[in-house]
Amino acid sequence: MVKDPRVCCWEICEINPLLDTLNTIVENSLGIFESVVEAIANRLEVTGKI
């Protein structure tokens, strides 16, 4: 989804951190976040915008 040049904003949020005693949501979210940042950075490099 974030590889599409029409994407100009992307948001991730944690709904209720009190339910996540083992930080599972945070660990999963971080993996997704890192992948998204990499995809956007690659897209910007290819298009010459960074």
PDB file of N, CA and C in Angstrom:
ATOM      1  N   MET A   1       0.817  -1.189   0.000  1.00  0.00           N
ATOM      2  CA  MET A   1       0.000   0.000   0.000  1.00  0.00           C
ATOM      3  C   MET A   1       0.866   1.261   0.000  1.00  0.00           C
ATOM      4  N   VAL A   2       1.899   1.320   0.815  1.00  0.00           N
ATOM      5  CA  VAL A   2       2.696   2.547   0.910  1.00  0.00           C
ATOM      6  C   VAL A   2       3.659   2.716  -0.258  1.00  0.00           C
ATOM      7  N   LYS A   3       3.769   1.712  -1.115  1.00  0.00           N
ATOM      8  CA  LYS A   3       4.594   1.856  -2.314  1.00  0.00           C
ATOM      9  C   LYS A   3       3.912   2.739  -3.356  1.00  0.00           C
ATOM     10  N   ASP A   4       2.624   2.913  -3.227  1.00  0.00           N
ATOM     11  CA  ASP A   4       1.857   3.733  -4.164  1.00  0.00           C
ATOM     12  C   ASP A   4       2.208   5.206  -3.949  1.00  0.00           C
ATOM     13  N   PRO A   5       2.573   5.931  -5.010  1.00  0.00           N
ATOM     14  CA  PRO A   5       2.966   7.336  -4.855  1.00  0.00           C
ATOM     15  C   PRO A   5       1.843   8.249  -4.370  1.00  0.00           C
ATOM     16  N   ARG A   6       0.619   7.774  -4.397  1.00  0.00           N
ATOM     17  CA  ARG A   6      -0.492   8.598  -3.904  1.00  0.00           C
ATOM     18  C   ARG A   6      -0.536   8.633  -2.379  1.00  0.00           C
ATOM     19  N   VAL A   7       0.176   7.720  -1.729  1.00  0.00           N
ATOM     20  CA  VAL A   7       0.195   7.701  -0.261  1.00  0.00           C
ATOM     21  C   VAL A   7       1.126   8.811   0.215  1.00  0.00           C
ATOM     22  N   CYS A   8       0.575   9.760   0.950  1.00  0.00           N
ATOM     23  CA  CYS A   8       1.384  10.865   1.468  1.00  0.00           C
ATOM     24  C   CYS A   8       1.373  10.900   2.995  1.00  0.00           C
ATOM     25  N   CYS A   9       0.557  10.053   3.604  1.00  0.00           N
ATOM     26  CA  CYS A   9       0.473  10.013   5.057  1.00  0.00           C
ATOM     27  C   CYS A   9       0.116   8.598   5.489  1.00  0.00           C
ATOM     28  N   TRP A  10       0.711   8.164   6.576  1.00  0.00           N
ATOM     29  CA  TRP A  10       0.442   6.834   7.096  1.00  0.00           C
ATOM     30  C   TRP A  10       0.527   6.918   8.615  1.00  0.00           C
ATOM     31  N   GLU A  11      -0.413   6.320   9.294  1.00  0.00           N
ATOM     32  CA  GLU A  11      -0.471   6.427  10.752  1.00  0.00           C
ATOM     33  C   GLU A  11      -0.618   5.045  11.372  1.00  0.00           C
ATOM     34  N   ILE A  12       0.039   4.861  12.504  1.00  0.00           N
ATOM     35  CA  ILE A  12      -0.101   3.637  13.278  1.00  0.00           C
ATOM     36  C   ILE A  12      -0.368   4.055  14.723  1.00  0.00           C
ATOM     37  N   CYS A  13      -1.271   3.367  15.378  1.00  0.00           N
ATOM     38  CA  CYS A  13      -1.562   3.702  16.767  1.00  0.00           C
ATOM     39  C   CYS A  13      -1.809   2.425  17.561  1.00  0.00           C
ATOM     40  N   GLU A  14      -1.652   2.542  18.846  1.00  0.00           N
ATOM     41  CA  GLU A  14      -1.915   1.428  19.747  1.00  0.00           C
ATOM     42  C   GLU A  14      -3.242   1.717  20.440  1.00  0.00           C
ATOM     43  N   ILE A  15      -4.163   0.783  20.373  1.00  0.00           N
ATOM     44  CA  ILE A  15      -5.509   1.021  20.887  1.00  0.00           C
ATOM     45  C   ILE A  15      -5.542   1.074  22.413  1.00  0.00           C
ATOM     46  N   ASN A  16      -5.031   0.051  23.075  1.00  0.00           N
ATOM     47  CA  ASN A  16      -5.073   0.018  24.537  1.00  0.00           C
ATOM     48  C   ASN A  16      -3.817  -0.672  25.077  1.00  0.00           C
ATOM     49  N   PRO A  17      -2.792   0.105  25.435  1.00  0.00           N
ATOM     50  CA  PRO A  17      -1.544  -0.490  25.909  1.00  0.00           C
ATOM     51  C   PRO A  17      -1.680  -1.255  27.227  1.00  0.00           C
ATOM     52  N   LEU A  18      -2.732  -1.012  27.990  1.00  0.00           N
ATOM     53  CA  LEU A  18      -2.906  -1.720  29.263  1.00  0.00           C
ATOM     54  C   LEU A  18      -3.220  -3.201  29.057  1.00  0.00           C
ATOM     55  N   LEU A  19      -3.710  -3.558  27.876  1.00  0.00           N
ATOM     56  CA  LEU A  19      -4.025  -4.958  27.590  1.00  0.00           C
ATOM     57  C   LEU A  19      -2.817  -5.744  27.094  1.00  0.00           C
ATOM     58  N   ASP A  20      -1.718  -5.060  26.849  1.00  0.00           N
ATOM     59  CA  ASP A  20      -0.539  -5.681  26.248  1.00  0.00           C
ATOM     60  C   ASP A  20       0.584  -5.808  27.276  1.00  0.00           C
ATOM     61  N   THR A  21       0.482  -6.759  28.167  1.00  0.00           N
ATOM     62  CA  THR A  21       1.460  -6.890  29.251  1.00  0.00           C
ATOM     63  C   THR A  21       2.806  -7.428  28.776  1.00  0.00           C
ATOM     64  N   LEU A  22       2.854  -8.114  27.647  1.00  0.00           N
ATOM     65  CA  LEU A  22       4.111  -8.687  27.153  1.00  0.00           C
ATOM     66  C   LEU A  22       4.713  -7.892  25.996  1.00  0.00           C
ATOM     67  N   ASN A  23       4.179  -6.712  25.732  1.00  0.00           N
ATOM     68  CA  ASN A  23       4.647  -5.845  24.644  1.00  0.00           C
ATOM     69  C   ASN A  23       4.517  -6.482  23.264  1.00  0.00           C
ATOM     70  N   THR A  24       3.604  -7.412  23.104  1.00  0.00           N
ATOM     71  CA  THR A  24       3.404  -8.080  21.820  1.00  0.00           C
ATOM     72  C   THR A  24       2.947  -7.097  20.752  1.00  0.00           C
ATOM     73  N   ILE A  25       2.003  -6.240  21.094  1.00  0.00           N
ATOM     74  CA  ILE A  25       1.501  -5.264  20.125  1.00  0.00           C
ATOM     75  C   ILE A  25       2.618  -4.314  19.703  1.00  0.00           C
ATOM     76  N   VAL A  26       3.413  -3.873  20.653  1.00  0.00           N
ATOM     77  CA  VAL A  26       4.511  -2.953  20.347  1.00  0.00           C
ATOM     78  C   VAL A  26       5.528  -3.621  19.427  1.00  0.00           C
ATOM     79  N   GLU A  27       5.893  -4.848  19.719  1.00  0.00           N
ATOM     80  CA  GLU A  27       6.866  -5.549  18.885  1.00  0.00           C
ATOM     81  C   GLU A  27       6.335  -5.748  17.469  1.00  0.00           C
ATOM     82  N   ASN A  28       5.079  -6.137  17.335  1.00  0.00           N
ATOM     83  CA  ASN A  28       4.485  -6.305  16.006  1.00  0.00           C
ATOM     84  C   ASN A  28       4.383  -4.970  15.281  1.00  0.00           C
ATOM     85  N   SER A  29       3.993  -3.941  15.993  1.00  0.00           N
ATOM     86  CA  SER A  29       3.859  -2.612  15.392  1.00  0.00           C
ATOM     87  C   SER A  29       5.206  -2.083  14.916  1.00  0.00           C
ATOM     88  N   LEU A  30       6.249  -2.317  15.682  1.00  0.00           N
ATOM     89  CA  LEU A  30       7.576  -1.844  15.297  1.00  0.00           C
ATOM     90  C   LEU A  30       8.033  -2.507  14.001  1.00  0.00           C
ATOM     91  N   GLY A  31       7.787  -3.799  13.870  1.00  0.00           N
ATOM     92  CA  GLY A  31       8.148  -4.493  12.635  1.00  0.00           C
ATOM     93  C   GLY A  31       7.417  -3.926  11.433  1.00  0.00           C
ATOM     94  N   ILE A  32       6.140  -3.653  11.595  1.00  0.00           N
ATOM     95  CA  ILE A  32       5.346  -3.056  10.514  1.00  0.00           C
ATOM     96  C   ILE A  32       5.854  -1.651  10.209  1.00  0.00           C
ATOM     97  N   PHE A  33       6.106  -0.875  11.252  1.00  0.00           N
ATOM     98  CA  PHE A  33       6.583   0.498  11.081  1.00  0.00           C
ATOM     99  C   PHE A  33       7.903   0.533  10.312  1.00  0.00           C
ATOM    100  N   GLU A  34       8.847  -0.332  10.688  1.00  0.00           N
ATOM    101  CA  GLU A  34      10.142  -0.369  10.009  1.00  0.00           C
ATOM    102  C   GLU A  34       9.982  -0.728   8.532  1.00  0.00           C
ATOM    103  N   SER A  35       9.103  -1.664   8.228  1.00  0.00           N
ATOM    104  CA  SER A  35       8.854  -2.049   6.833  1.00  0.00           C
ATOM    105  C   SER A  35       8.262  -0.894   6.035  1.00  0.00           C
ATOM    106  N   VAL A  36       7.343  -0.177   6.652  1.00  0.00           N
ATOM    107  CA  VAL A  36       6.705   0.953   5.974  1.00  0.00           C
ATOM    108  C   VAL A  36       7.713   2.069   5.718  1.00  0.00           C
ATOM    109  N   VAL A  37       8.524   2.385   6.706  1.00  0.00           N
ATOM    110  CA  VAL A  37       9.530   3.437   6.539  1.00  0.00           C
ATOM    111  C   VAL A  37      10.495   3.063   5.417  1.00  0.00           C
ATOM    112  N   GLU A  38      10.912   1.821   5.373  1.00  0.00           N
ATOM    113  CA  GLU A  38      11.817   1.362   4.315  1.00  0.00           C
ATOM    114  C   GLU A  38      11.153   1.474   2.933  1.00  0.00           C
ATOM    115  N   ALA A  39       9.901   1.067   2.827  1.00  0.00           N
ATOM    116  CA  ALA A  39       9.186   1.137   1.548  1.00  0.00           C
ATOM    117  C   ALA A  39       9.039   2.583   1.075  1.00  0.00           C
ATOM    118  N   ILE A  40       8.699   3.484   1.983  1.00  0.00           N
ATOM    119  CA  ILE A  40       8.549   4.894   1.611  1.00  0.00           C
ATOM    120  C   ILE A  40       9.899   5.487   1.220  1.00  0.00           C
ATOM    121  N   ALA A  41      10.944   5.183   1.973  1.00  0.00           N
ATOM    122  CA  ALA A  41      12.280   5.692   1.652  1.00  0.00           C
ATOM    123  C   ALA A  41      12.732   5.188   0.283  1.00  0.00           C
ATOM    124  N   ASN A  42      12.497   3.915  -0.005  1.00  0.00           N
ATOM    125  CA  ASN A  42      12.861   3.369  -1.318  1.00  0.00           C
ATOM    126  C   ASN A  42      12.087   4.059  -2.430  1.00  0.00           C
ATOM    127  N   ARG A  43      10.813   4.282  -2.209  1.00  0.00           N
ATOM    128  CA  ARG A  43       9.989   4.959  -3.214  1.00  0.00           C
ATOM    129  C   ARG A  43      10.506   6.369  -3.481  1.00  0.00           C
ATOM    130  N   LEU A  44      10.873   7.078  -2.432  1.00  0.00           N
ATOM    131  CA  LEU A  44      11.366   8.442  -2.600  1.00  0.00           C
ATOM    132  C   LEU A  44      12.727   8.469  -3.289  1.00  0.00           C
ATOM    133  N   GLU A  45      13.578   7.486  -3.005  1.00  0.00           N
ATOM    134  CA  GLU A  45      14.877   7.411  -3.671  1.00  0.00           C
ATOM    135  C   GLU A  45      14.710   7.147  -5.161  1.00  0.00           C
ATOM    136  N   VAL A  46      13.813   6.241  -5.515  1.00  0.00           N
ATOM    137  CA  VAL A  46      13.583   5.895  -6.919  1.00  0.00           C
ATOM    138  C   VAL A  46      13.050   7.098  -7.693  1.00  0.00           C
ATOM    139  N   THR A  47      12.190   7.864  -7.068  1.00  0.00           N
ATOM    140  CA  THR A  47      11.603   9.024  -7.747  1.00  0.00           C
ATOM    141  C   THR A  47      12.494  10.261  -7.654  1.00  0.00           C
ATOM    142  N   GLY A  48      13.595  10.168  -6.913  1.00  0.00           N
ATOM    143  CA  GLY A  48      14.517  11.292  -6.795  1.00  0.00           C
ATOM    144  C   GLY A  48      14.039  12.399  -5.884  1.00  0.00           C
ATOM    145  N   LYS A  49      13.134  12.073  -4.977  1.00  0.00           N
ATOM    146  CA  LYS A  49      12.587  13.104  -4.094  1.00  0.00           C
ATOM    147  C   LYS A  49      13.320  13.208  -2.766  1.00  0.00           C
ATOM    148  N   ILE A  50      14.367  12.384  -2.565  1.00  0.00           N
ATOM    149  CA  ILE A  50      15.191  12.570  -1.367  1.00  0.00           C
ATOM    150  C   ILE A  50      16.645  12.489  -1.745  1.00  0.00           C
TER     151      ILE A  50
END
